[in-house]
Amino acid sequence: MMDASDDEADEDLDHLGSVEAVPRSDADHLKQLNSLGITAQNEGVDAVDDESELEDLQPDSTSNSMETQLLKGGPSWFKANLPVMDVQQMLARHCLMRACNCHIEVSEDLSTADFFAINSRVASKAKAILRLSINELQSSILQHDGGSSIPEDFEEEENLDGLDMSWATHSSHRSFSHHTVRPSFVEPSAQSFYPSLVSWTFNHQLDPVQARAIACVENGESVLVCAPTSAGKTAVATYAVAMALHGKRRAIYTTPIKALSNQKFLELGKSFGGQYVGILTGDTVIASDAPIVVMTLEILQSMLYKQARDPNLLDDFQCVVIDEAHFLGDLDRGFAWEEVLILLPRHVKLVLLSATVPNSQTIADWCARVRMQPVHVITSEQRPVPLSHDIFRCGPPDFFGPKRRSFFSVMRPPGNRFMSRNLQEAVRQRTIILQSQAVWRCPPELVPHLIGRKGQNLKQLMFGLSATIRIHDGGVIEVKAADAMVEKEAQMRVTNWLIDQDVPEASAKPPDSSSDPLSLQVEDLERLLSLLWYRKQLPTIGFCFDKRMCERVALLLAGAKRMDFSSNANKHKIRQRLQEGLEHLEQRDRQLAQVKNCCDLLVRGIGVHHGGMSVPQLRHANI
């Protein structure tokens, strides 16, 4: 009869097994990996080039205090029995870890420990320390521990906050800063910050930020790269993946969302070859045993949960790239990033990329504490593509006279000085235009009463109607509904409410359809696109927070305004791609209004993309 605790454990394992994990390579696939230069171990022991190092690490039959054996991690990963309670106590306090200068993981019964060294030389030194007698071992530990002794009332628990960390600032280019944080018991090694680029050749010259980050990756240490968007952080990730393949290992590339995983899957496939890249997401599994696996971070989190059942799950992986690492601070999903950083095996190096992380040094300090490894922090605030902030004032262009502009620069490089006068002038002009237009307006003093606390008054006013009411700047009222009768009923309710508030009937009623705010928005959008076309700033991306309105505005631009941004040559290419993408679509589906409208818009150089697109081929065509 099985114990109830065993049933619960089996249920937990079944739950964890519901997410697809990276499977083991079979014999046929091992041959494919060998063709790429990747050697996966079948027998559980890595090959060692230096036989002398291997002999030095073999168990010593003359030593009875501790007995060691090689594991499948090779000469830098071995197991040792811990029969002495004092040694176990020191191990729990990280004293033994400081003396051995490597990471140590203890079994649950505190009888054995796994030692993870950076290289064979460090492993040999750790092995020599373990062969010492108890007195010599204590003396060696006290030397590394600053002469402190273990108190009698010491509790065996890990206190990361009390761990001493050492920070180092490295000389760098004026465009970035470079710091390194490491546990104080980890001795800094002599490193070169000039990349050799033996694992991958780039088609462009690396900028100083990329070169320094790649040099840290070549040194075999984790790195956190914080640089603005378009700064080329992907080059660091590409080199880390190439270096893993060059070292006959595999790599994982994680992203926060499935859309980004799909994008990286295509990009890495183009760089390394589609046959060497796999993807694991919630609904897509392609070549999960490939040398490079792209996945969402929650998938990696679920895989790491399986380490209790399969400790060697990630033994053939060298690095994990964590894109958008600032999700570590997300309130709802940040715990997944924390668990991944904690549970990842120590032989797996990290490459963290982020453009918006505000506390890079704090994150690096925490990573170095939980992983007991050095972490490099490379921070740059210089944008390769400078950003400018402009405001386009909607409304008639000649409202204030032919010499008054409607395009205002609020912030412009290189100084990025905030020009508050331009912002105030744009707001002033827009306010005057809104007050002069014949639109349906609620008096400013009644707007709070119309909306109510958290919109409760509007919800009560529209109870039973599938219509929405929006109050724009200046008290402009906009009512939307799918059905014309419902929209008319909603307008009537608002009118009656305004009349009850002593608003004159002429002002309480909505104007005729010629003053539709949407028509004004399309006029403004047409003028804005014409201006961007003249300034050679197309293509551009516009955001509309309404699915139906997004498509409607695009149709008005292409139809009523007859805007066409595509040349004859591009029109031919677009039609060919549409024909290839829709060839598997049934004929009756091709006659759908959404399909016809989107195809016509794409030919004119206008794309629409929103969550309400029912045909997947249209989404890919717009992308």
Foldseek 3Di string as FASTA:
>chain_A
DDDPVVVVVVVVVVVLVVADAQDDDDPVVQVVLVVLVAHDDDVFADDDDDVVLVVLQDFDPVFDQKTKDDTSLYLQKIKIFHPDVVVLQCVLVCLLCLLLLFDWAADPVRGMIITGGPDSVSSSSSVVLSSDDPVVNVVSSCVSVVNDDDDPPDDRDDDLVPFDKDKDWDDFDPQKTKMKIFGPSNDDDDFDQADPQPQHDDPDDDDRLLSRLLSCLVVQAAEEEAAAPPNPLVSSVVSNQSVLSNVSFAEEEAEADPVVLVVVLVVVCVVPNNVQEWEGEPPDGGPSNHRYYYYYLVSVLSNLVCCVVPVCSRSRHQEYEYEQLLCCPPPPPNVSVVSNLLSDDLNYHYYYYHHDNPCQVVVQSVSNSSSNGMYMYMHGYDDPDDDWDKAFAADDQQPVHPPDGRIFTQADDDVRDGDVVSVVVSVVVNLVRVVPAQFQFDQPVCVCVCQDDVRPNVCVLLPPAQKDWDQDPRRGIDIDDPDPVSSVVSLVSQLVVRVVVVDDSVNSHGDDPVRHVLVSVLVRVLVVVVVCVVVVNDDDDDDDPDQVSQLVSLCCCCPVVVQADDDPVVLVVLVVLLCVLCVPPDPVVCPDPVNVSQSVSVSRVHHGDDPPDPDVSNNVSRD
